[in-house]
Amino acid sequence: MKQLEIINEKLRKSYWMLGVGLMVVVALAAARYKGHTHTKTLVVEIEQLGQDGSFLIMERDVKRIIQNSFVEEIDGMDLKKVQLERMEKVLEDDPFVKDAEVWIDANNKVHIKIEQRQPIVRIIDNNGLNYYFDAEGKKIPTSKYFTARVPVATGYLPAYFKEYQVTDNALHDVFKLAKFLKKNELLDAMVSQISVEKSGDIILSPEFGKTKIVLGRADHLTEKFKKLLIFYKEAIPHEGWRKYKTINLKFANQVVCKR
């Protein structure tokens, strides 16, 4: 009888240890399962702006946009609740963001890749408001992190309106000119300021020297700048940079200069 009691006691201990082991296995499995069904962290990558290597928007701004748009924290969120397309849409609604890609990798990390909008001209309108245009004509606010080295447009410029690209106005002229300059590395580096007269004529200030370039309206730009480059190549070496106060490109087939 005593031997039987010893056997039973050993069996009870074995069952107890087996039960504890099963509980540990279940707990570990549950934790592992939860880890496989929830996001782990948010990884943000922002492409730099061209050769400037600068940023209009920072990683903390991207995370704040996401946090303000979703009730639940992205870190540790159930994978079934992660709305990748909505996250992309929310980010692309930001004026600094041209394109956003969001995906989840094999380790449940949420990746966000941001392409910033590239400013091509800075506008200071009649009301003193500052903003940029990008190559698509989208309005970009100034950034607290970075001031883009682009031509500055001033003068008789109306307040921004969404349809400015489909009407005849000074904002449209400035945008067309800035887009044209951006395509030519030499011209883009040459022009530092764009001034719009009350008549609508555009006056350009080069990066170097005090000579003003009278462009007129933003039409026939290829022909006008071709005349300017020929004039620089042929006349300036003989006459010098400081001889002329203005170089007028408004008239067809000629360059009119004033001393």
C-alpha atoms as a PDB file:
ATOM      1  CA  MET A   1       0.000   0.000   0.000  1.00  0.00           C
ATOM      2  CA  LYS A   2       2.805   2.365   0.909  1.00  0.00           C
ATOM      3  CA  GLN A   3       4.519   1.730  -2.398  1.00  0.00           C
ATOM      4  CA  LEU A   4       1.282   2.541  -4.225  1.00  0.00           C
ATOM      5  CA  GLU A   5       1.012   5.868  -2.392  1.00  0.00           C
ATOM      6  CA  ILE A   6       4.569   6.729  -3.431  1.00  0.00           C
ATOM      7  CA  ILE A   7       3.739   5.990  -7.066  1.00  0.00           C
ATOM      8  CA  ASN A   8       0.605   8.138  -6.890  1.00  0.00           C
ATOM      9  CA  GLU A   9       2.564  11.008  -5.355  1.00  0.00           C
ATOM     10  CA  LYS A  10       5.126  10.828  -8.163  1.00  0.00           C
ATOM     11  CA  LEU A  11       2.331  10.834 -10.736  1.00  0.00           C
ATOM     12  CA  ARG A  12       0.735  13.891  -9.122  1.00  0.00           C
ATOM     13  CA  LYS A  13       4.048  15.768  -9.259  1.00  0.00           C
ATOM     14  CA  SER A  14       4.561  14.740 -12.866  1.00  0.00           C
ATOM     15  CA  TYR A  15       1.074  15.954 -13.817  1.00  0.00           C
ATOM     16  CA  TRP A  16       1.682  19.237 -11.987  1.00  0.00           C
ATOM     17  CA  MET A  17       4.979  19.821 -13.735  1.00  0.00           C
ATOM     18  CA  LEU A  18       3.407  18.899 -17.054  1.00  0.00           C
ATOM     19  CA  GLY A  19       0.591  21.386 -16.419  1.00  0.00           C
ATOM     20  CA  VAL A  20       3.024  24.161 -15.557  1.00  0.00           C
ATOM     21  CA  GLY A  21       5.029  23.356 -18.685  1.00  0.00           C
ATOM     22  CA  LEU A  22       1.915  23.511 -20.842  1.00  0.00           C
ATOM     23  CA  MET A  23       0.964  26.855 -19.327  1.00  0.00           C
ATOM     24  CA  VAL A  24       4.414  28.259 -20.130  1.00  0.00           C
ATOM     25  CA  VAL A  25       4.237  26.937 -23.689  1.00  0.00           C
ATOM     26  CA  VAL A  26       0.766  28.445 -24.183  1.00  0.00           C
ATOM     27  CA  ALA A  27       1.890  31.811 -22.773  1.00  0.00           C
ATOM     28  CA  LEU A  28       4.948  31.906 -25.029  1.00  0.00           C
ATOM     29  CA  ALA A  29       2.883  30.888 -28.033  1.00  0.00           C
ATOM     30  CA  ALA A  30       0.309  33.586 -27.276  1.00  0.00           C
ATOM     31  CA  ALA A  31       3.010  36.243 -26.967  1.00  0.00           C
ATOM     32  CA  ARG A  32       4.631  35.064 -30.154  1.00  0.00           C
ATOM     33  CA  TYR A  33       1.295  35.035 -31.963  1.00  0.00           C
ATOM     34  CA  LYS A  34       0.523  38.543 -30.754  1.00  0.00           C
ATOM     35  CA  GLY A  35       3.930  39.688 -31.973  1.00  0.00           C
ATOM     36  CA  HIS A  36       3.164  38.302 -35.411  1.00  0.00           C
ATOM     37  CA  THR A  37      -0.181  40.097 -35.623  1.00  0.00           C
ATOM     38  CA  HIS A  38       0.840  43.572 -34.414  1.00  0.00           C
ATOM     39  CA  THR A  39       3.114  46.253 -35.837  1.00  0.00           C
ATOM     40  CA  LYS A  40       6.451  46.743 -34.112  1.00  0.00           C
ATOM     41  CA  THR A  41       7.712  50.232 -35.038  1.00  0.00           C
ATOM     42  CA  LEU A  42       7.351  53.090 -37.514  1.00  0.00           C
ATOM     43  CA  VAL A  43      10.297  53.740 -39.863  1.00  0.00           C
ATOM     44  CA  VAL A  44      10.336  57.062 -41.786  1.00  0.00           C
ATOM     45  CA  GLU A  45      12.591  57.839 -44.764  1.00  0.00           C
ATOM     46  CA  ILE A  46      12.509  61.274 -46.423  1.00  0.00           C
ATOM     47  CA  GLU A  47      14.294  61.837 -49.727  1.00  0.00           C
ATOM     48  CA  GLN A  48      16.521  64.908 -49.634  1.00  0.00           C
ATOM     49  CA  LEU A  49      15.930  67.886 -51.916  1.00  0.00           C
ATOM     50  CA  GLY A  50      18.289  67.514 -54.868  1.00  0.00           C
ATOM     51  CA  GLN A  51      21.872  68.637 -54.363  1.00  0.00           C
ATOM     52  CA  ASP A  52      20.883  70.868 -51.450  1.00  0.00           C
ATOM     53  CA  GLY A  53      20.387  67.777 -49.319  1.00  0.00           C
ATOM     54  CA  SER A  54      17.798  69.611 -47.257  1.00  0.00           C
ATOM     55  CA  PHE A  55      14.335  69.008 -45.875  1.00  0.00           C
ATOM     56  CA  LEU A  56      11.097  70.999 -45.906  1.00  0.00           C
ATOM     57  CA  ILE A  57       9.539  68.420 -43.608  1.00  0.00           C
ATOM     58  CA  MET A  58      11.150  66.253 -40.914  1.00  0.00           C
ATOM     59  CA  GLU A  59      10.554  62.769 -39.515  1.00  0.00           C
ATOM     60  CA  ARG A  60       8.802  64.136 -36.427  1.00  0.00           C
ATOM     61  CA  ASP A  61       6.366  66.045 -38.661  1.00  0.00           C
ATOM     62  CA  VAL A  62       5.498  62.879 -40.584  1.00  0.00           C
ATOM     63  CA  LYS A  63       4.859  60.972 -37.363  1.00  0.00           C
ATOM     64  CA  ARG A  64       2.737  63.825 -36.016  1.00  0.00           C
ATOM     65  CA  ILE A  65       0.586  63.818 -39.171  1.00  0.00           C
ATOM     66  CA  ILE A  66      -0.034  60.096 -38.724  1.00  0.00           C
ATOM     67  CA  GLN A  67      -0.736  60.399 -34.995  1.00  0.00           C
ATOM     68  CA  ASN A  68      -3.225  63.236 -35.561  1.00  0.00           C
ATOM     69  CA  SER A  69      -5.068  61.274 -38.241  1.00  0.00           C
ATOM     70  CA  PHE A  70      -5.423  57.912 -36.483  1.00  0.00           C
ATOM     71  CA  VAL A  71      -7.032  57.293 -33.087  1.00  0.00           C
ATOM     72  CA  GLU A  72      -4.830  54.310 -32.284  1.00  0.00           C
ATOM     73  CA  GLU A  73      -1.033  54.416 -32.159  1.00  0.00           C
ATOM     74  CA  ILE A  74       0.569  52.834 -35.232  1.00  0.00           C
ATOM     75  CA  ASP A  75       3.223  51.191 -33.046  1.00  0.00           C
ATOM     76  CA  GLY A  76       1.657  47.971 -31.736  1.00  0.00           C
ATOM     77  CA  MET A  77      -1.472  48.258 -33.883  1.00  0.00           C
ATOM     78  CA  ASP A  78      -3.269  45.104 -35.019  1.00  0.00           C
ATOM     79  CA  LEU A  79      -2.079  44.409 -38.565  1.00  0.00           C
ATOM     80  CA  LYS A  80      -5.686  44.037 -39.707  1.00  0.00           C
ATOM     81  CA  LYS A  81      -6.347  47.637 -38.678  1.00  0.00           C
ATOM     82  CA  VAL A  82      -3.412  49.207 -40.527  1.00  0.00           C
ATOM     83  CA  GLN A  83      -4.818  51.247 -43.440  1.00  0.00           C
ATOM     84  CA  LEU A  84      -1.860  51.669 -45.758  1.00  0.00           C
ATOM     85  CA  GLU A  85      -3.717  53.501 -48.541  1.00  0.00           C
ATOM     86  CA  ARG A  86      -5.323  55.898 -46.091  1.00  0.00           C
ATOM     87  CA  MET A  87      -1.940  56.634 -44.531  1.00  0.00           C
ATOM     88  CA  GLU A  88      -0.540  57.477 -47.979  1.00  0.00           C
ATOM     89  CA  LYS A  89      -3.521  59.721 -48.733  1.00  0.00           C
ATOM     90  CA  VAL A  90      -3.206  61.567 -45.407  1.00  0.00           C
ATOM     91  CA  LEU A  91       0.502  62.204 -45.983  1.00  0.00           C
ATOM     92  CA  GLU A  92       0.043  63.319 -49.601  1.00  0.00           C
ATOM     93  CA  ASP A  93      -2.497  65.892 -48.447  1.00  0.00           C
ATOM     94  CA  ASP A  94       0.378  67.708 -46.740  1.00  0.00           C
ATOM     95  CA  PRO A  95       1.658  70.557 -48.960  1.00  0.00           C
ATOM     96  CA  PHE A  96       5.318  69.538 -48.514  1.00  0.00           C
ATOM     97  CA  VAL A  97       4.716  65.944 -49.660  1.00  0.00           C
ATOM     98  CA  LYS A  98       4.646  65.051 -53.362  1.00  0.00           C
ATOM     99  CA  ASP A  99       4.426  61.282 -52.923  1.00  0.00           C
ATOM    100  CA  ALA A 100       4.182  58.862 -50.001  1.00  0.00           C
ATOM    101  CA  GLU A 101       4.679  55.096 -50.010  1.00  0.00           C
ATOM    102  CA  VAL A 102       3.698  53.002 -46.981  1.00  0.00           C
ATOM    103  CA  TRP A 103       4.308  49.263 -46.548  1.00  0.00           C
ATOM    104  CA  ILE A 104       4.858  46.607 -43.867  1.00  0.00           C
ATOM    105  CA  ASP A 105       7.941  44.383 -44.013  1.00  0.00           C
ATOM    106  CA  ALA A 106       8.355  40.754 -42.903  1.00  0.00           C
ATOM    107  CA  ASN A 107       9.241  41.901 -39.372  1.00  0.00           C
ATOM    108  CA  ASN A 108       6.001  43.894 -39.025  1.00  0.00           C
ATOM    109  CA  LYS A 109       7.782  47.235 -39.253  1.00  0.00           C
ATOM    110  CA  VAL A 110       5.704  49.974 -40.908  1.00  0.00           C
ATOM    111  CA  HIS A 111       7.815  51.869 -43.459  1.00  0.00           C
ATOM    112  CA  ILE A 112       6.999  55.347 -44.766  1.00  0.00           C
ATOM    113  CA  LYS A 113       8.959  56.787 -47.702  1.00  0.00           C
ATOM    114  CA  ILE A 114       8.412  60.473 -48.495  1.00  0.00           C
ATOM    115  CA  GLU A 115       9.226  62.378 -51.696  1.00  0.00           C
ATOM    116  CA  GLN A 116       9.204  66.103 -50.994  1.00  0.00           C
ATOM    117  CA  ARG A 117       7.932  68.774 -53.343  1.00  0.00           C
ATOM    118  CA  GLN A 118      10.770  70.679 -55.032  1.00  0.00           C
ATOM    119  CA  PRO A 119      10.403  74.500 -54.955  1.00  0.00           C
ATOM    120  CA  ILE A 120      11.301  76.310 -58.193  1.00  0.00           C
ATOM    121  CA  VAL A 121      10.345  79.905 -57.299  1.00  0.00           C
ATOM    122  CA  ARG A 122       9.475  81.895 -54.196  1.00  0.00           C
ATOM    123  CA  ILE A 123       6.501  84.248 -54.379  1.00  0.00           C
ATOM    124  CA  ILE A 124       6.049  87.426 -52.327  1.00  0.00           C
ATOM    125  CA  ASP A 125       2.663  88.815 -53.402  1.00  0.00           C
ATOM    126  CA  ASN A 126       1.011  92.220 -53.040  1.00  0.00           C
ATOM    127  CA  ASN A 127      -0.059  91.361 -49.497  1.00  0.00           C
ATOM    128  CA  GLY A 128       3.449  90.341 -48.455  1.00  0.00           C
ATOM    129  CA  LEU A 129       2.533  86.655 -48.257  1.00  0.00           C
ATOM    130  CA  ASN A 130       5.410  84.201 -48.874  1.00  0.00           C
ATOM    131  CA  TYR A 131       5.171  80.781 -50.481  1.00  0.00           C
ATOM    132  CA  TYR A 132       6.739  78.610 -53.187  1.00  0.00           C
ATOM    133  CA  PHE A 133       5.601  77.009 -56.430  1.00  0.00           C
ATOM    134  CA  ASP A 134       6.902  73.557 -57.348  1.00  0.00           C
ATOM    135  CA  ALA A 135       7.380  72.238 -60.892  1.00  0.00           C
ATOM    136  CA  GLU A 136       3.696  71.255 -61.055  1.00  0.00           C
ATOM    137  CA  GLY A 137       2.555  74.690 -59.956  1.00  0.00           C
ATOM    138  CA  LYS A 138       1.488  73.465 -56.531  1.00  0.00           C
ATOM    139  CA  LYS A 139       1.617  76.002 -53.718  1.00  0.00           C
ATOM    140  CA  ILE A 140       4.115  75.156 -50.974  1.00  0.00           C
ATOM    141  CA  PRO A 141       4.317  77.116 -47.717  1.00  0.00           C
ATOM    142  CA  THR A 142       7.685  78.304 -46.464  1.00  0.00           C
ATOM    143  CA  SER A 143       9.446  75.849 -44.180  1.00  0.00           C
ATOM    144  CA  LYS A 144      10.868  76.489 -40.716  1.00  0.00           C
ATOM    145  CA  TYR A 145      13.717  74.107 -41.534  1.00  0.00           C
ATOM    146  CA  PHE A 146      14.978  75.272 -44.906  1.00  0.00           C
ATOM    147  CA  THR A 147      14.954  78.251 -47.298  1.00  0.00           C
ATOM    148  CA  ALA A 148      15.216  77.073 -50.893  1.00  0.00           C
ATOM    149  CA  ARG A 149      17.748  78.806 -53.134  1.00  0.00           C
ATOM    150  CA  VAL A 150      15.383  79.713 -55.958  1.00  0.00           C
ATOM    151  CA  PRO A 151      14.495  82.976 -57.753  1.00  0.00           C
ATOM    152  CA  VAL A 152      12.324  85.322 -55.699  1.00  0.00           C
ATOM    153  CA  ALA A 153       9.339  86.893 -57.476  1.00  0.00           C
ATOM    154  CA  THR A 154       8.037  90.252 -56.248  1.00  0.00           C
ATOM    155  CA  GLY A 155       6.076  93.226 -57.561  1.00  0.00           C
ATOM    156  CA  TYR A 156       2.503  93.347 -58.821  1.00  0.00           C
ATOM    157  CA  LEU A 157       1.490  89.811 -57.958  1.00  0.00           C
ATOM    158  CA  PRO A 158      -2.110  89.001 -57.010  1.00  0.00           C
ATOM    159  CA  ALA A 159      -3.113  86.791 -54.102  1.00  0.00           C
ATOM    160  CA  TYR A 160      -2.917  83.083 -54.875  1.00  0.00           C
ATOM    161  CA  PHE A 161      -6.009  81.390 -56.347  1.00  0.00           C
ATOM    162  CA  LYS A 162      -6.371  77.763 -57.408  1.00  0.00           C
ATOM    163  CA  GLU A 163      -7.228  78.489 -61.048  1.00  0.00           C
ATOM    164  CA  TYR A 164      -4.248  80.748 -61.678  1.00  0.00           C
ATOM    165  CA  GLN A 165      -2.783  78.357 -64.283  1.00  0.00           C
ATOM    166  CA  VAL A 166      -5.820  78.533 -66.589  1.00  0.00           C
ATOM    167  CA  THR A 167      -6.104  82.322 -66.763  1.00  0.00           C
ATOM    168  CA  ASP A 168      -3.913  85.150 -68.015  1.00  0.00           C
ATOM    169  CA  ASN A 169      -2.310  86.664 -64.915  1.00  0.00           C
ATOM    170  CA  ALA A 170       1.042  87.569 -63.388  1.00  0.00           C
ATOM    171  CA  LEU A 171       1.214  84.455 -61.196  1.00  0.00           C
ATOM    172  CA  HIS A 172       0.866  82.241 -64.263  1.00  0.00           C
ATOM    173  CA  ASP A 173       3.601  84.199 -66.054  1.00  0.00           C
ATOM    174  CA  VAL A 174       5.973  83.805 -63.101  1.00  0.00           C
ATOM    175  CA  PHE A 175       5.278  80.078 -62.878  1.00  0.00           C
ATOM    176  CA  LYS A 176       5.867  79.542 -66.624  1.00  0.00           C
ATOM    177  CA  LEU A 177       9.118  81.508 -66.431  1.00  0.00           C
ATOM    178  CA  ALA A 178      10.373  79.653 -63.331  1.00  0.00           C
ATOM    179  CA  LYS A 179       9.571  76.301 -64.926  1.00  0.00           C
ATOM    180  CA  PHE A 180      11.457  77.312 -68.060  1.00  0.00           C
ATOM    181  CA  LEU A 181      14.495  78.496 -66.081  1.00  0.00           C
ATOM    182  CA  LYS A 182      14.594  75.266 -64.075  1.00  0.00           C
ATOM    183  CA  LYS A 183      15.102  73.261 -67.256  1.00  0.00           C
ATOM    184  CA  ASN A 184      18.299  75.170 -68.102  1.00  0.00           C
ATOM    185  CA  GLU A 185      21.069  74.891 -65.540  1.00  0.00           C
ATOM    186  CA  LEU A 186      22.849  78.063 -66.738  1.00  0.00           C
ATOM    187  CA  LEU A 187      19.721  80.225 -66.749  1.00  0.00           C
ATOM    188  CA  ASP A 188      18.543  78.789 -63.453  1.00  0.00           C
ATOM    189  CA  ALA A 189      21.799  79.802 -61.799  1.00  0.00           C
ATOM    190  CA  MET A 190      21.830  83.200 -63.514  1.00  0.00           C
ATOM    191  CA  VAL A 191      18.494  84.675 -62.361  1.00  0.00           C
ATOM    192  CA  SER A 192      18.146  85.642 -58.692  1.00  0.00           C
ATOM    193  CA  GLN A 193      15.064  87.890 -58.738  1.00  0.00           C
ATOM    194  CA  ILE A 194      11.917  88.257 -60.826  1.00  0.00           C
ATOM    195  CA  SER A 195      10.054  91.563 -60.604  1.00  0.00           C
ATOM    196  CA  VAL A 196       6.621  92.068 -62.159  1.00  0.00           C
ATOM    197  CA  GLU A 197       5.762  95.618 -63.258  1.00  0.00           C
ATOM    198  CA  LYS A 198       2.265  97.118 -63.134  1.00  0.00           C
ATOM    199  CA  SER A 199       2.130  96.738 -66.924  1.00  0.00           C
ATOM    200  CA  GLY A 200       2.757  92.991 -66.576  1.00  0.00           C
ATOM    201  CA  ASP A 201       6.304  93.225 -67.888  1.00  0.00           C
ATOM    202  CA  ILE A 202       8.845  91.008 -66.119  1.00  0.00           C
ATOM    203  CA  ILE A 203      12.237  92.388 -65.094  1.00  0.00           C
ATOM    204  CA  LEU A 204      15.004  89.938 -64.224  1.00  0.00           C
ATOM    205  CA  SER A 205      17.931  90.618 -61.899  1.00  0.00           C
ATOM    206  CA  PRO A 206      20.978  88.408 -62.556  1.00  0.00           C
ATOM    207  CA  GLU A 207      22.901  86.793 -59.728  1.00  0.00           C
ATOM    208  CA  PHE A 208      25.929  88.959 -60.605  1.00  0.00           C
ATOM    209  CA  GLY A 209      26.059  92.551 -61.802  1.00  0.00           C
ATOM    210  CA  LYS A 210      23.464  95.343 -61.805  1.00  0.00           C
ATOM    211  CA  THR A 211      22.198  94.997 -65.372  1.00  0.00           C
ATOM    212  CA  LYS A 212      18.429  94.479 -65.541  1.00  0.00           C
ATOM    213  CA  ILE A 213      16.903  92.168 -68.150  1.00  0.00           C
ATOM    214  CA  VAL A 214      13.536  93.327 -69.511  1.00  0.00           C
ATOM    215  CA  LEU A 215      11.721  90.169 -70.524  1.00  0.00           C
ATOM    216  CA  GLY A 216       8.194  91.491 -71.126  1.00  0.00           C
ATOM    217  CA  ARG A 217       5.490  88.877 -70.718  1.00  0.00           C
ATOM    218  CA  ALA A 218       6.350  85.187 -70.243  1.00  0.00           C
ATOM    219  CA  ASP A 219       5.879  84.298 -73.907  1.00  0.00           C
ATOM    220  CA  HIS A 220       8.323  83.147 -76.616  1.00  0.00           C
ATOM    221  CA  LEU A 221      10.752  82.304 -73.836  1.00  0.00           C
ATOM    222  CA  THR A 222      12.986  80.066 -75.954  1.00  0.00           C
ATOM    223  CA  GLU A 223      13.552  82.823 -78.514  1.00  0.00           C
ATOM    224  CA  LYS A 224      14.081  85.547 -75.908  1.00  0.00           C
ATOM    225  CA  PHE A 225      16.671  83.663 -73.896  1.00  0.00           C
ATOM    226  CA  LYS A 226      18.398  82.471 -77.052  1.00  0.00           C
ATOM    227  CA  LYS A 227      18.891  86.151 -77.977  1.00  0.00           C
ATOM    228  CA  LEU A 228      20.176  86.880 -74.479  1.00  0.00           C
ATOM    229  CA  LEU A 229      22.749  84.074 -74.541  1.00  0.00           C
ATOM    230  CA  ILE A 230      23.968  85.106 -77.997  1.00  0.00           C
ATOM    231  CA  PHE A 231      24.278  88.699 -76.782  1.00  0.00           C
ATOM    232  CA  TYR A 232      26.264  87.608 -73.732  1.00  0.00           C
ATOM    233  CA  LYS A 233      28.542  85.484 -75.864  1.00  0.00           C
ATOM    234  CA  GLU A 234      29.232  88.054 -78.557  1.00  0.00           C
ATOM    235  CA  ALA A 235      28.824  91.505 -77.019  1.00  0.00           C
ATOM    236  CA  ILE A 236      29.699  91.254 -73.345  1.00  0.00           C
ATOM    237  CA  PRO A 237      33.328  90.102 -73.862  1.00  0.00           C
ATOM    238  CA  HIS A 238      33.933  93.316 -75.857  1.00  0.00           C
ATOM    239  CA  GLU A 239      31.686  95.756 -74.015  1.00  0.00           C
ATOM    240  CA  GLY A 240      31.850  94.454 -70.445  1.00  0.00           C
ATOM    241  CA  TRP A 241      29.130  93.673 -67.901  1.00  0.00           C
ATOM    242  CA  ARG A 242      28.798  97.160 -66.456  1.00  0.00           C
ATOM    243  CA  LYS A 243      28.260  99.116 -69.659  1.00  0.00           C
ATOM    244  CA  TYR A 244      24.492  98.540 -69.877  1.00  0.00           C
ATOM    245  CA  LYS A 245      21.778  99.314 -67.323  1.00  0.00           C
ATOM    246  CA  THR A 246      19.114  97.308 -69.147  1.00  0.00           C
ATOM    247  CA  ILE A 247      18.950  94.599 -71.788  1.00  0.00           C
ATOM    248  CA  ASN A 248      15.514  94.521 -73.414  1.00  0.00           C
ATOM    249  CA  LEU A 249      14.348  91.233 -74.968  1.00  0.00           C
ATOM    250  CA  LYS A 250      10.722  92.242 -75.648  1.00  0.00           C
ATOM    251  CA  PHE A 251      11.138  92.953 -79.336  1.00  0.00           C
ATOM    252  CA  ALA A 252      11.362  90.265 -82.013  1.00  0.00           C
ATOM    253  CA  ASN A 253      14.727  89.558 -83.628  1.00  0.00           C
ATOM    254  CA  GLN A 254      16.617  92.212 -81.679  1.00  0.00           C
ATOM    255  CA  VAL A 255      18.143  93.083 -78.337  1.00  0.00           C
ATOM    256  CA  VAL A 256      17.765  96.699 -77.221  1.00  0.00           C
ATOM    257  CA  CYS A 257      20.248  97.945 -74.636  1.00  0.00           C
ATOM    258  CA  LYS A 258      20.406 101.119 -72.580  1.00  0.00           C
ATOM    259  CA  ARG A 259      23.544 102.509 -70.969  1.00  0.00           C
END
